[in-house]
């Protein structure tokens, strides 16, 4: 896993993403102007014996692209880790920085694309380029039996990774199962657009992680 982390952090295969993540790390957001941004691709993290894999879209420009840890330092991460904490997959509900003491329990968090994309919209070819890292990561997580896909982009990436064909239409709470019994669970992404509009509520996210917990316990 350390070799994978090193290879991810040094990747420069997608020029558009490289330019954006590094520009953001130099210009910074005013509220973080005194912080040193990570400004590189972000690896997954968590429990290497995890039975649950949580997959998002990509690092946020001023979240994981700043902190260097997935879903850390932004409001999407606040929603995610609160839900994971309530379900027993995290030791705390906050995700401020990479040294804040957050520990995942029987869970691993990653994303389909490892660099912060402009407008939070990675391209399909960028997702495909990153899939090689996902292949290696999954191979190092042999106990995974449940994958929570945060958003349709992550669902497409996970379906390709685990061979879901035909792929059920994405929707909150939709489930898809592989031939070997691995289950994909869909959730709307905890983006500000979804949470501010009520498209995703905390109870809806709790339902997904409650279902994940019941499947992991089988």
N, C-alpha and C. Protein backbone atom coordinates (compact mmCIF):
# COMPACT_ATOMS: atom_id res chain seq x y z
N UNK A 1 0.83 -1.21 0.00
CA UNK A 1 0.00 0.00 0.00
C UNK A 1 0.87 1.26 0.00
N UNK A 2 2.00 1.23 0.69
CA UNK A 2 2.88 2.40 0.70
C UNK A 2 3.42 2.69 -0.70
N UNK A 3 3.74 1.63 -1.45
CA UNK A 3 4.22 1.82 -2.83
C UNK A 3 3.11 2.42 -3.69
N UNK A 4 1.89 1.96 -3.50
CA UNK A 4 0.75 2.52 -4.24
C UNK A 4 0.58 3.99 -3.89
N UNK A 5 0.65 4.33 -2.60
CA UNK A 5 0.51 5.72 -2.18
C UNK A 5 1.56 6.61 -2.85
N UNK A 6 2.79 6.10 -2.92
CA UNK A 6 3.88 6.86 -3.54
C UNK A 6 3.62 7.07 -5.02
N UNK A 7 3.15 6.01 -5.69
CA UNK A 7 2.88 6.10 -7.13
C UNK A 7 1.73 7.05 -7.42
N UNK A 8 0.71 7.04 -6.58
CA UNK A 8 -0.42 7.95 -6.76
C UNK A 8 0.03 9.39 -6.59
N UNK A 9 0.77 9.66 -5.53
CA UNK A 9 1.18 11.04 -5.22
C UNK A 9 2.08 11.64 -6.29
N UNK A 10 2.78 10.80 -7.04
CA UNK A 10 3.71 11.30 -8.06
C UNK A 10 3.12 11.30 -9.47
N UNK A 11 1.84 10.92 -9.61
CA UNK A 11 1.23 10.81 -10.94
C UNK A 11 1.01 12.19 -11.57
N UNK A 12 1.32 12.28 -12.87
CA UNK A 12 1.11 13.50 -13.64
C UNK A 12 0.53 13.16 -15.03
N UNK A 13 -0.28 12.13 -15.09
CA UNK A 13 -0.75 11.62 -16.38
C UNK A 13 -1.85 12.47 -17.02
N UNK A 14 -2.57 13.25 -16.23
CA UNK A 14 -3.69 14.03 -16.77
C UNK A 14 -3.35 15.52 -16.67
N UNK A 15 -2.86 16.14 -17.75
CA UNK A 15 -2.40 17.54 -17.69
C UNK A 15 -3.44 18.51 -17.16
N UNK A 16 -4.70 18.35 -17.54
CA UNK A 16 -5.74 19.26 -17.07
C UNK A 16 -5.86 19.23 -15.56
N UNK A 17 -5.83 18.03 -14.99
CA UNK A 17 -5.95 17.89 -13.54
C UNK A 17 -4.71 18.36 -12.82
N UNK A 18 -3.53 18.07 -13.39
CA UNK A 18 -2.28 18.52 -12.78
C UNK A 18 -2.26 20.04 -12.69
N UNK A 19 -2.63 20.69 -13.78
CA UNK A 19 -2.62 22.16 -13.81
C UNK A 19 -3.60 22.74 -12.79
N UNK A 20 -4.77 22.15 -12.70
CA UNK A 20 -5.78 22.69 -11.81
C UNK A 20 -5.42 22.50 -10.34
N UNK A 21 -5.05 21.27 -9.98
CA UNK A 21 -4.76 21.00 -8.56
C UNK A 21 -3.61 21.87 -8.07
N UNK A 22 -2.60 22.09 -8.94
CA UNK A 22 -1.44 22.88 -8.53
C UNK A 22 -1.75 24.38 -8.51
N UNK A 23 -2.59 24.82 -9.42
CA UNK A 23 -3.01 26.23 -9.42
C UNK A 23 -3.78 26.54 -8.14
N UNK A 24 -4.70 25.65 -7.76
CA UNK A 24 -5.48 25.84 -6.54
C UNK A 24 -4.57 25.87 -5.32
N UNK A 25 -3.57 25.00 -5.31
CA UNK A 25 -2.66 24.92 -4.17
C UNK A 25 -1.80 26.17 -4.02
N UNK A 26 -1.58 26.89 -5.12
CA UNK A 26 -0.80 28.13 -5.08
C UNK A 26 -1.69 29.32 -4.72
N UNK A 27 -2.84 29.41 -5.38
CA UNK A 27 -3.72 30.56 -5.17
C UNK A 27 -4.47 30.48 -3.85
N UNK A 28 -4.90 29.29 -3.45
CA UNK A 28 -5.56 29.00 -2.18
C UNK A 28 -6.88 29.76 -2.03
N UNK A 29 -7.66 29.32 -1.09
CA UNK A 29 -8.85 30.06 -0.66
C UNK A 29 -8.42 30.99 0.46
N UNK A 30 -9.04 32.17 0.52
CA UNK A 30 -8.60 33.18 1.48
C UNK A 30 -8.59 32.65 2.91
N UNK A 31 -9.58 31.82 3.25
CA UNK A 31 -9.67 31.32 4.63
C UNK A 31 -8.57 30.32 4.96
N UNK A 32 -7.88 29.81 3.93
CA UNK A 32 -6.79 28.85 4.15
C UNK A 32 -5.45 29.39 3.67
N UNK A 33 -5.34 30.69 3.54
CA UNK A 33 -4.15 31.28 2.92
C UNK A 33 -2.86 30.98 3.68
N UNK A 34 -2.95 30.69 4.98
CA UNK A 34 -1.75 30.42 5.77
C UNK A 34 -1.41 28.93 5.83
N UNK A 35 -2.20 28.11 5.14
CA UNK A 35 -1.97 26.66 5.16
C UNK A 35 -1.17 26.22 3.94
N UNK A 36 -0.43 25.14 4.13
CA UNK A 36 0.29 24.51 3.03
C UNK A 36 -0.64 23.48 2.39
N UNK A 37 -0.99 23.68 1.14
CA UNK A 37 -1.85 22.73 0.44
C UNK A 37 -1.06 21.50 0.01
N UNK A 38 -1.76 20.36 0.01
CA UNK A 38 -1.17 19.11 -0.49
C UNK A 38 -0.91 19.25 -1.99
N UNK A 39 -1.90 19.58 -2.78
CA UNK A 39 -1.73 19.88 -4.19
C UNK A 39 -1.27 18.74 -5.07
N UNK A 40 -1.51 17.50 -4.64
CA UNK A 40 -1.10 16.31 -5.40
C UNK A 40 -2.27 15.32 -5.43
N UNK A 41 -2.14 14.24 -6.19
CA UNK A 41 -3.18 13.21 -6.13
C UNK A 41 -3.31 12.67 -4.70
N UNK A 42 -4.51 12.22 -4.36
CA UNK A 42 -4.81 11.78 -3.00
C UNK A 42 -5.09 10.28 -2.97
N UNK A 43 -4.43 9.58 -2.06
CA UNK A 43 -4.65 8.14 -1.90
C UNK A 43 -5.87 7.86 -1.03
N UNK A 44 -6.36 6.64 -1.12
CA UNK A 44 -7.38 6.19 -0.19
C UNK A 44 -6.76 5.94 1.18
N UNK A 45 -7.61 5.75 2.17
CA UNK A 45 -7.09 5.47 3.51
C UNK A 45 -8.15 4.73 4.32
N UNK A 46 -7.70 4.14 5.42
CA UNK A 46 -8.62 3.45 6.30
C UNK A 46 -8.04 2.16 6.84
N UNK A 47 -8.91 1.20 7.05
CA UNK A 47 -8.55 -0.10 7.61
C UNK A 47 -8.23 -1.06 6.45
N UNK A 48 -6.99 -1.54 6.34
CA UNK A 48 -6.64 -2.42 5.21
C UNK A 48 -7.33 -3.78 5.26
N UNK A 49 -7.97 -4.12 6.39
CA UNK A 49 -8.75 -5.35 6.45
C UNK A 49 -10.24 -5.08 6.27
N UNK A 50 -10.58 -3.90 5.75
CA UNK A 50 -11.97 -3.44 5.67
C UNK A 50 -12.85 -4.36 4.85
N UNK A 51 -14.10 -4.49 5.32
CA UNK A 51 -15.14 -5.15 4.54
C UNK A 51 -15.99 -4.14 3.76
N UNK A 52 -15.89 -2.86 4.14
CA UNK A 52 -16.64 -1.81 3.47
C UNK A 52 -15.70 -0.86 2.74
N UNK A 53 -16.01 -0.61 1.47
CA UNK A 53 -15.29 0.38 0.67
C UNK A 53 -16.25 1.51 0.35
N UNK A 54 -15.84 2.74 0.60
CA UNK A 54 -16.64 3.92 0.26
C UNK A 54 -15.92 4.66 -0.85
N UNK A 55 -16.61 4.86 -1.97
CA UNK A 55 -15.98 5.49 -3.13
C UNK A 55 -16.69 6.78 -3.51
N UNK A 56 -15.91 7.86 -3.57
CA UNK A 56 -16.43 9.14 -3.98
C UNK A 56 -16.02 9.50 -5.40
N UNK A 57 -16.25 10.74 -5.75
CA UNK A 57 -15.98 11.25 -7.09
C UNK A 57 -14.49 11.58 -7.28
N UNK A 58 -14.01 12.55 -6.50
CA UNK A 58 -12.64 13.04 -6.61
C UNK A 58 -12.37 13.95 -5.42
N UNK A 59 -11.12 14.26 -5.12
CA UNK A 59 -10.83 15.21 -4.03
C UNK A 59 -11.42 16.58 -4.32
N UNK A 60 -11.85 17.25 -3.25
CA UNK A 60 -12.33 18.63 -3.38
C UNK A 60 -11.14 19.58 -3.44
N UNK A 61 -11.28 20.65 -4.21
CA UNK A 61 -10.17 21.57 -4.43
C UNK A 61 -9.59 22.12 -3.14
N UNK A 62 -10.48 22.48 -2.20
CA UNK A 62 -10.02 23.06 -0.94
C UNK A 62 -10.27 22.12 0.24
N UNK A 63 -10.60 20.86 -0.10
CA UNK A 63 -10.76 19.82 0.91
C UNK A 63 -9.54 18.92 0.88
N UNK A 64 -9.69 17.74 0.26
CA UNK A 64 -8.58 16.78 0.24
C UNK A 64 -7.38 17.29 -0.55
N UNK A 65 -7.59 18.16 -1.54
CA UNK A 65 -6.46 18.74 -2.26
C UNK A 65 -5.63 19.65 -1.34
N UNK A 66 -6.25 20.08 -0.26
CA UNK A 66 -5.56 20.88 0.74
C UNK A 66 -4.97 20.01 1.85
N UNK A 67 -5.78 19.07 2.35
CA UNK A 67 -5.37 18.29 3.53
C UNK A 67 -4.58 17.04 3.20
N UNK A 68 -4.75 16.52 1.97
CA UNK A 68 -4.07 15.29 1.60
C UNK A 68 -4.76 14.03 2.06
N UNK A 69 -5.99 14.13 2.58
CA UNK A 69 -6.73 12.95 3.01
C UNK A 69 -8.16 13.02 2.47
N UNK A 70 -8.62 11.91 1.92
CA UNK A 70 -9.93 11.85 1.27
C UNK A 70 -11.05 12.38 2.16
N UNK A 71 -11.92 13.20 1.58
CA UNK A 71 -13.11 13.73 2.24
C UNK A 71 -12.77 14.43 3.56
N UNK A 72 -11.65 15.09 3.61
CA UNK A 72 -11.24 15.77 4.83
C UNK A 72 -11.13 17.26 4.58
N UNK A 73 -11.71 18.05 5.50
CA UNK A 73 -11.60 19.49 5.42
C UNK A 73 -12.66 20.18 4.60
N UNK A 74 -13.75 19.47 4.25
CA UNK A 74 -14.84 20.11 3.51
C UNK A 74 -16.18 19.60 4.03
N UNK A 75 -17.26 20.23 3.56
CA UNK A 75 -18.58 19.89 4.10
C UNK A 75 -19.07 18.53 3.66
N UNK A 76 -18.65 18.07 2.48
CA UNK A 76 -19.03 16.72 2.07
C UNK A 76 -18.46 15.70 3.05
N UNK A 77 -17.20 15.91 3.44
CA UNK A 77 -16.58 15.02 4.41
C UNK A 77 -17.27 15.08 5.77
N UNK A 78 -17.72 16.28 6.16
CA UNK A 78 -18.44 16.41 7.42
C UNK A 78 -19.67 15.51 7.43
N UNK A 79 -20.41 15.54 6.33
CA UNK A 79 -21.60 14.68 6.22
C UNK A 79 -21.21 13.20 6.21
N UNK A 80 -20.19 12.87 5.43
CA UNK A 80 -19.81 11.47 5.30
C UNK A 80 -19.36 10.89 6.63
N UNK A 81 -18.45 11.55 7.31
CA UNK A 81 -17.89 10.96 8.53
C UNK A 81 -18.87 10.99 9.69
N UNK A 82 -19.80 11.94 9.71
CA UNK A 82 -20.86 11.88 10.72
C UNK A 82 -21.69 10.61 10.53
N UNK A 83 -22.03 10.33 9.27
CA UNK A 83 -22.83 9.13 8.99
C UNK A 83 -22.04 7.85 9.30
N UNK A 84 -20.78 7.83 8.93
CA UNK A 84 -19.96 6.65 9.20
C UNK A 84 -19.76 6.46 10.70
N UNK A 85 -19.63 7.55 11.43
CA UNK A 85 -19.50 7.46 12.89
C UNK A 85 -20.77 6.90 13.51
N UNK A 86 -21.91 7.37 13.07
CA UNK A 86 -23.17 6.88 13.61
C UNK A 86 -23.36 5.39 13.32
N UNK A 87 -22.82 4.94 12.18
CA UNK A 87 -22.95 3.53 11.80
C UNK A 87 -21.85 2.65 12.40
N UNK A 88 -20.88 3.28 13.08
CA UNK A 88 -19.81 2.50 13.70
C UNK A 88 -18.61 2.27 12.83
N UNK A 89 -18.51 2.99 11.71
CA UNK A 89 -17.37 2.82 10.79
C UNK A 89 -16.26 3.87 11.01
N UNK A 90 -16.45 4.79 11.93
CA UNK A 90 -15.43 5.80 12.22
C UNK A 90 -15.45 6.11 13.71
N UNK A 91 -14.27 6.42 14.25
CA UNK A 91 -14.18 6.68 15.69
C UNK A 91 -14.61 8.07 16.09
N UNK A 92 -14.77 8.96 15.11
CA UNK A 92 -15.23 10.32 15.40
C UNK A 92 -15.98 10.85 14.18
N UNK A 93 -16.70 11.93 14.37
CA UNK A 93 -17.55 12.43 13.29
C UNK A 93 -16.96 13.63 12.56
N UNK A 94 -15.75 14.03 12.91
CA UNK A 94 -15.12 15.20 12.28
C UNK A 94 -13.97 14.78 11.38
N UNK A 95 -13.62 15.66 10.44
CA UNK A 95 -12.55 15.37 9.47
C UNK A 95 -11.85 16.66 9.10
N UNK A 96 -11.17 17.26 10.05
CA UNK A 96 -10.59 18.60 9.83
C UNK A 96 -9.28 18.56 9.05
N UNK A 97 -8.36 17.66 9.45
CA UNK A 97 -7.07 17.55 8.78
C UNK A 97 -6.55 16.13 8.94
N UNK A 98 -5.42 15.85 8.30
CA UNK A 98 -4.92 14.47 8.26
C UNK A 98 -4.37 13.98 9.58
N UNK A 99 -4.24 14.86 10.56
CA UNK A 99 -3.70 14.46 11.87
C UNK A 99 -4.71 14.69 12.99
N UNK A 100 -5.99 14.66 12.67
CA UNK A 100 -7.01 14.98 13.67
C UNK A 100 -7.47 13.77 14.48
N UNK A 101 -6.87 12.61 14.24
CA UNK A 101 -7.20 11.43 15.02
C UNK A 101 -8.30 10.56 14.45
N UNK A 102 -8.81 10.91 13.27
CA UNK A 102 -9.85 10.09 12.65
C UNK A 102 -9.32 8.70 12.31
N UNK A 103 -10.04 7.68 12.75
CA UNK A 103 -9.70 6.29 12.44
C UNK A 103 -10.94 5.62 11.87
N UNK A 104 -10.80 4.96 10.75
CA UNK A 104 -11.91 4.22 10.16
C UNK A 104 -11.90 2.79 10.68
N UNK A 105 -13.09 2.26 10.91
CA UNK A 105 -13.26 0.95 11.51
C UNK A 105 -13.92 0.02 10.49
N UNK A 106 -13.18 -0.97 10.01
CA UNK A 106 -13.68 -1.92 9.01
C UNK A 106 -14.13 -1.21 7.74
N UNK A 107 -13.50 -0.08 7.44
CA UNK A 107 -13.89 0.70 6.26
C UNK A 107 -12.66 1.34 5.61
N UNK A 108 -12.76 1.54 4.31
CA UNK A 108 -11.72 2.20 3.52
C UNK A 108 -12.40 3.23 2.64
N UNK A 109 -11.85 4.43 2.55
CA UNK A 109 -12.44 5.50 1.75
C UNK A 109 -11.51 5.86 0.61
N UNK A 110 -12.05 5.93 -0.59
CA UNK A 110 -11.26 6.25 -1.77
C UNK A 110 -12.11 7.05 -2.75
N UNK A 111 -11.59 7.29 -3.95
CA UNK A 111 -12.37 7.99 -4.98
C UNK A 111 -12.02 7.48 -6.36
N UNK A 112 -12.92 7.72 -7.29
CA UNK A 112 -12.71 7.24 -8.66
C UNK A 112 -11.57 7.96 -9.35
N UNK A 113 -11.41 9.25 -9.05
CA UNK A 113 -10.34 10.09 -9.60
C UNK A 113 -9.55 10.66 -8.43
N UNK A 114 -8.21 10.72 -8.55
CA UNK A 114 -7.37 11.06 -7.40
C UNK A 114 -6.96 12.53 -7.34
N UNK A 115 -7.24 13.31 -8.37
CA UNK A 115 -6.89 14.73 -8.38
C UNK A 115 -8.15 15.58 -8.36
N UNK A 116 -8.06 16.75 -7.73
CA UNK A 116 -9.18 17.68 -7.73
C UNK A 116 -9.43 18.17 -9.16
N UNK A 117 -10.66 18.04 -9.67
CA UNK A 117 -10.97 18.48 -11.04
C UNK A 117 -11.62 19.87 -11.06
N UNK A 118 -11.45 20.62 -12.14
CA UNK A 118 -12.17 21.89 -12.28
C UNK A 118 -13.68 21.68 -12.19
N UNK A 119 -14.36 22.54 -11.43
CA UNK A 119 -15.82 22.48 -11.28
C UNK A 119 -16.31 21.15 -10.72
N UNK A 120 -15.41 20.40 -10.06
CA UNK A 120 -15.76 19.08 -9.50
C UNK A 120 -16.27 18.12 -10.57
N UNK A 121 -15.75 18.27 -11.80
CA UNK A 121 -16.23 17.43 -12.90
C UNK A 121 -15.06 16.78 -13.64
N UNK A 122 -14.59 15.63 -13.18
CA UNK A 122 -13.57 14.91 -13.93
C UNK A 122 -14.15 14.38 -15.24
N UNK A 123 -13.29 14.18 -16.20
CA UNK A 123 -13.71 13.64 -17.49
C UNK A 123 -13.68 12.12 -17.47
N UNK A 124 -14.49 11.47 -18.30
CA UNK A 124 -14.46 10.00 -18.33
C UNK A 124 -13.08 9.43 -18.61
N UNK A 125 -12.31 10.09 -19.48
CA UNK A 125 -10.96 9.59 -19.77
C UNK A 125 -10.03 9.73 -18.57
N UNK A 126 -10.28 10.73 -17.72
CA UNK A 126 -9.49 10.88 -16.50
C UNK A 126 -9.85 9.80 -15.50
N UNK A 127 -11.12 9.46 -15.44
CA UNK A 127 -11.55 8.33 -14.61
C UNK A 127 -10.90 7.04 -15.08
N UNK A 128 -10.87 6.84 -16.40
CA UNK A 128 -10.29 5.62 -16.94
C UNK A 128 -8.79 5.55 -16.68
N UNK A 129 -8.12 6.68 -16.75
CA UNK A 129 -6.68 6.70 -16.46
C UNK A 129 -6.43 6.32 -15.00
N UNK A 130 -7.27 6.82 -14.11
CA UNK A 130 -7.12 6.53 -12.67
C UNK A 130 -7.52 5.10 -12.32
N UNK A 131 -8.20 4.41 -13.21
CA UNK A 131 -8.69 3.07 -12.87
C UNK A 131 -7.55 2.10 -12.57
N UNK A 132 -6.37 2.35 -13.13
CA UNK A 132 -5.24 1.47 -12.83
C UNK A 132 -4.87 1.52 -11.35
N UNK A 133 -4.98 2.71 -10.76
CA UNK A 133 -4.73 2.83 -9.32
C UNK A 133 -5.82 2.11 -8.52
N UNK A 134 -7.05 2.24 -8.99
CA UNK A 134 -8.15 1.56 -8.31
C UNK A 134 -7.99 0.05 -8.38
N UNK A 135 -7.53 -0.46 -9.52
CA UNK A 135 -7.27 -1.89 -9.66
C UNK A 135 -6.29 -2.37 -8.59
N UNK A 136 -5.20 -1.63 -8.44
CA UNK A 136 -4.17 -2.01 -7.46
C UNK A 136 -4.69 -1.89 -6.04
N UNK A 137 -5.48 -0.85 -5.79
CA UNK A 137 -6.01 -0.63 -4.44
C UNK A 137 -6.95 -1.76 -4.04
N UNK A 138 -7.86 -2.13 -4.94
CA UNK A 138 -8.82 -3.20 -4.64
C UNK A 138 -8.08 -4.51 -4.38
N UNK A 139 -7.03 -4.77 -5.14
CA UNK A 139 -6.27 -6.00 -4.95
C UNK A 139 -5.63 -6.07 -3.56
N UNK A 140 -5.39 -4.90 -2.95
CA UNK A 140 -4.79 -4.84 -1.63
C UNK A 140 -5.83 -4.81 -0.50
N UNK A 141 -7.11 -4.90 -0.88
CA UNK A 141 -8.21 -4.89 0.09
C UNK A 141 -9.04 -6.16 -0.11
N UNK A 142 -8.50 -7.30 0.26
CA UNK A 142 -9.11 -8.58 -0.10
C UNK A 142 -10.43 -8.89 0.59
N UNK A 143 -10.76 -8.18 1.67
CA UNK A 143 -11.97 -8.50 2.42
C UNK A 143 -13.20 -7.70 2.02
N UNK A 144 -13.03 -6.76 1.11
CA UNK A 144 -14.16 -5.89 0.73
C UNK A 144 -15.31 -6.71 0.16
N UNK A 145 -16.49 -6.50 0.74
CA UNK A 145 -17.69 -7.19 0.25
C UNK A 145 -18.84 -6.24 -0.04
N UNK A 146 -18.69 -4.98 0.40
CA UNK A 146 -19.73 -3.96 0.19
C UNK A 146 -19.05 -2.68 -0.25
N UNK A 147 -19.60 -2.04 -1.28
CA UNK A 147 -19.06 -0.77 -1.79
C UNK A 147 -20.18 0.26 -1.79
N UNK A 148 -20.00 1.33 -1.03
CA UNK A 148 -20.94 2.45 -1.06
C UNK A 148 -20.44 3.45 -2.09
N UNK A 149 -21.24 3.69 -3.11
CA UNK A 149 -20.87 4.58 -4.21
C UNK A 149 -21.56 5.93 -4.01
N UNK A 150 -20.76 6.96 -3.78
CA UNK A 150 -21.30 8.29 -3.53
C UNK A 150 -21.42 9.04 -4.85
N UNK A 151 -22.58 8.95 -5.46
CA UNK A 151 -22.83 9.61 -6.73
C UNK A 151 -22.72 8.67 -7.91
N UNK A 152 -23.29 9.11 -9.03
CA UNK A 152 -23.34 8.27 -10.23
C UNK A 152 -21.96 8.05 -10.85
N UNK A 153 -21.08 9.06 -10.77
CA UNK A 153 -19.74 8.92 -11.35
C UNK A 153 -18.99 7.79 -10.66
N UNK A 154 -19.05 7.76 -9.33
CA UNK A 154 -18.40 6.69 -8.58
C UNK A 154 -19.05 5.34 -8.87
N UNK A 155 -20.36 5.35 -9.05
CA UNK A 155 -21.08 4.11 -9.34
C UNK A 155 -20.65 3.51 -10.68
N UNK A 156 -20.47 4.35 -11.69
CA UNK A 156 -20.00 3.87 -12.99
C UNK A 156 -18.59 3.28 -12.85
N UNK A 157 -17.72 3.97 -12.11
CA UNK A 157 -16.35 3.49 -11.92
C UNK A 157 -16.34 2.16 -11.17
N UNK A 158 -17.14 2.06 -10.11
CA UNK A 158 -17.19 0.83 -9.32
C UNK A 158 -17.80 -0.32 -10.12
N UNK A 159 -18.81 -0.01 -10.92
CA UNK A 159 -19.44 -1.05 -11.75
C UNK A 159 -18.45 -1.62 -12.75
N UNK A 160 -17.64 -0.75 -13.35
CA UNK A 160 -16.61 -1.22 -14.29
C UNK A 160 -15.56 -2.04 -13.55
N UNK A 161 -15.17 -1.60 -12.37
CA UNK A 161 -14.15 -2.29 -11.59
C UNK A 161 -14.60 -3.70 -11.20
N UNK A 162 -15.85 -3.83 -10.79
CA UNK A 162 -16.32 -5.10 -10.25
C UNK A 162 -17.18 -5.90 -11.23
N UNK A 163 -17.29 -5.44 -12.47
CA UNK A 163 -17.95 -6.21 -13.51
C UNK A 163 -19.47 -6.28 -13.37
N UNK A 164 -20.11 -5.16 -13.03
CA UNK A 164 -21.57 -5.12 -12.95
C UNK A 164 -22.13 -4.91 -14.35
N UNK A 165 -22.69 -5.96 -14.94
CA UNK A 165 -23.27 -5.90 -16.28
C UNK A 165 -24.47 -6.83 -16.35
N UNK A 166 -25.63 -6.31 -16.76
CA UNK A 166 -25.91 -4.89 -17.03
C UNK A 166 -25.95 -4.11 -15.72
N UNK A 167 -25.72 -2.81 -15.82
CA UNK A 167 -25.66 -1.96 -14.65
C UNK A 167 -27.04 -1.34 -14.39
N UNK A 168 -27.65 -1.61 -13.22
CA UNK A 168 -28.92 -0.95 -12.91
C UNK A 168 -28.78 0.57 -12.94
N UNK A 169 -29.85 1.24 -13.27
CA UNK A 169 -29.82 2.71 -13.30
C UNK A 169 -29.52 3.26 -11.92
N UNK A 170 -28.65 4.27 -11.88
CA UNK A 170 -28.28 4.87 -10.61
C UNK A 170 -29.48 5.54 -9.94
N UNK A 171 -29.52 5.41 -8.64
CA UNK A 171 -30.52 6.09 -7.82
C UNK A 171 -30.17 5.88 -6.37
N UNK A 172 -30.61 6.76 -5.51
CA UNK A 172 -30.30 6.61 -4.10
C UNK A 172 -30.92 5.33 -3.55
N UNK A 173 -30.09 4.51 -2.92
CA UNK A 173 -30.56 3.25 -2.36
C UNK A 173 -30.53 2.07 -3.31
N UNK A 174 -30.20 2.31 -4.57
CA UNK A 174 -30.11 1.22 -5.54
C UNK A 174 -28.97 0.27 -5.16
N UNK A 175 -29.21 -1.03 -5.32
CA UNK A 175 -28.19 -2.04 -5.03
C UNK A 175 -27.91 -2.86 -6.29
N UNK A 176 -26.66 -3.26 -6.43
CA UNK A 176 -26.26 -4.15 -7.52
C UNK A 176 -25.29 -5.16 -6.96
N UNK A 177 -25.39 -6.39 -7.41
CA UNK A 177 -24.57 -7.46 -6.85
C UNK A 177 -23.75 -8.13 -7.94
N UNK A 178 -22.50 -8.44 -7.63
CA UNK A 178 -21.64 -9.15 -8.56
C UNK A 178 -21.89 -10.65 -8.47
N UNK A 179 -21.29 -11.39 -9.39
CA UNK A 179 -21.47 -12.85 -9.40
C UNK A 179 -20.89 -13.51 -8.16
N UNK A 180 -19.88 -12.87 -7.56
CA UNK A 180 -19.27 -13.47 -6.36
C UNK A 180 -19.84 -12.91 -5.06
N UNK A 181 -20.97 -12.18 -5.15
CA UNK A 181 -21.67 -11.76 -3.94
C UNK A 181 -21.32 -10.40 -3.40
N UNK A 182 -20.42 -9.66 -4.03
CA UNK A 182 -20.12 -8.30 -3.58
C UNK A 182 -21.28 -7.38 -3.95
N UNK A 183 -21.63 -6.49 -3.04
CA UNK A 183 -22.78 -5.60 -3.24
C UNK A 183 -22.36 -4.15 -3.37
N UNK A 184 -22.86 -3.48 -4.40
CA UNK A 184 -22.70 -2.04 -4.56
C UNK A 184 -23.97 -1.35 -4.06
N UNK A 185 -23.79 -0.37 -3.18
CA UNK A 185 -24.91 0.43 -2.67
C UNK A 185 -24.75 1.86 -3.18
N UNK A 186 -25.80 2.41 -3.75
CA UNK A 186 -25.74 3.76 -4.29
C UNK A 186 -26.29 4.78 -3.30
N UNK A 187 -25.62 5.93 -3.25
CA UNK A 187 -26.11 7.08 -2.48
C UNK A 187 -25.88 8.33 -3.30
N UNK A 188 -26.79 9.29 -3.15
CA UNK A 188 -26.49 10.60 -3.69
C UNK A 188 -25.22 11.12 -3.01
N UNK A 189 -24.42 11.86 -3.75
CA UNK A 189 -23.18 12.40 -3.20
C UNK A 189 -23.50 13.47 -2.16
N UNK A 190 -22.77 13.49 -1.03
CA UNK A 190 -23.04 14.52 -0.02
C UNK A 190 -22.43 15.87 -0.37
N UNK A 191 -22.63 16.30 -1.60
CA UNK A 191 -22.16 17.61 -2.05
C UNK A 191 -23.06 18.69 -1.46
N UNK A 192 -22.55 19.91 -1.42
CA UNK A 192 -23.36 21.00 -0.90
C UNK A 192 -24.63 21.20 -1.75
N UNK A 193 -24.51 20.99 -3.04
CA UNK A 193 -25.68 21.13 -3.91
C UNK A 193 -26.79 20.17 -3.48
N UNK A 194 -26.41 18.93 -3.15
CA UNK A 194 -27.41 17.94 -2.76
C UNK A 194 -27.90 18.14 -1.33
N UNK A 195 -27.00 18.51 -0.43
CA UNK A 195 -27.42 18.64 0.98
C UNK A 195 -28.18 19.94 1.23
N UNK A 196 -27.79 21.01 0.55
CA UNK A 196 -28.48 22.29 0.75
C UNK A 196 -29.90 22.26 0.18
N UNK A 197 -30.10 21.50 -0.89
CA UNK A 197 -31.41 21.45 -1.52
C UNK A 197 -32.31 20.37 -0.93
N UNK A 198 -31.76 19.53 -0.06
CA UNK A 198 -32.55 18.45 0.53
C UNK A 198 -32.64 17.23 -0.36
N UNK A 199 -31.90 17.23 -1.47
CA UNK A 199 -31.86 16.03 -2.31
C UNK A 199 -31.31 14.86 -1.51
N UNK A 200 -30.33 15.15 -0.65
CA UNK A 200 -29.80 14.16 0.28
C UNK A 200 -29.95 14.70 1.70
N UNK A 201 -30.58 13.92 2.55
CA UNK A 201 -30.70 14.28 3.97
C UNK A 201 -29.83 13.34 4.79
N UNK A 202 -29.60 13.72 6.05
CA UNK A 202 -28.76 12.87 6.90
C UNK A 202 -29.42 11.52 7.13
N UNK A 203 -30.72 11.49 7.25
CA UNK A 203 -31.39 10.20 7.45
C UNK A 203 -31.26 9.31 6.21
N UNK A 204 -31.27 9.90 5.02
CA UNK A 204 -31.08 9.12 3.80
C UNK A 204 -29.69 8.51 3.76
N UNK A 205 -28.69 9.30 4.15
CA UNK A 205 -27.32 8.78 4.17
C UNK A 205 -27.17 7.73 5.26
N UNK A 206 -27.80 7.95 6.40
CA UNK A 206 -27.78 6.96 7.48
C UNK A 206 -28.37 5.63 7.02
N UNK A 207 -29.44 5.70 6.24
CA UNK A 207 -30.08 4.47 5.75
C UNK A 207 -29.11 3.65 4.91
N UNK A 208 -28.31 4.33 4.07
CA UNK A 208 -27.35 3.62 3.23
C UNK A 208 -26.28 2.94 4.08
N UNK A 209 -25.77 3.66 5.07
CA UNK A 209 -24.72 3.05 5.90
C UNK A 209 -25.28 2.01 6.86
N UNK A 210 -26.51 2.12 7.26
CA UNK A 210 -27.15 1.08 8.05
C UNK A 210 -27.28 -0.20 7.22
N UNK A 211 -27.66 -0.02 5.96
CA UNK A 211 -27.77 -1.17 5.07
C UNK A 211 -26.38 -1.79 4.84
N UNK A 212 -25.37 -0.93 4.65
CA UNK A 212 -24.02 -1.45 4.49
C UNK A 212 -23.58 -2.24 5.70
N UNK A 213 -23.89 -1.75 6.87
CA UNK A 213 -23.50 -2.43 8.10
C UNK A 213 -24.16 -3.80 8.20
N UNK A 214 -25.44 -3.87 7.83
CA UNK A 214 -26.13 -5.15 7.89
C UNK A 214 -25.55 -6.15 6.89
N UNK A 215 -25.14 -5.67 5.71
CA UNK A 215 -24.54 -6.56 4.73
C UNK A 215 -23.15 -7.02 5.16
N UNK A 216 -22.39 -6.11 5.74
CA UNK A 216 -21.05 -6.47 6.24
C UNK A 216 -21.15 -7.52 7.32
N UNK A 217 -22.19 -7.45 8.13
CA UNK A 217 -22.33 -8.35 9.28
C UNK A 217 -22.75 -9.76 8.87
N UNK A 218 -23.16 -9.96 7.63
CA UNK A 218 -23.63 -11.29 7.19
C UNK A 218 -22.47 -12.29 7.15
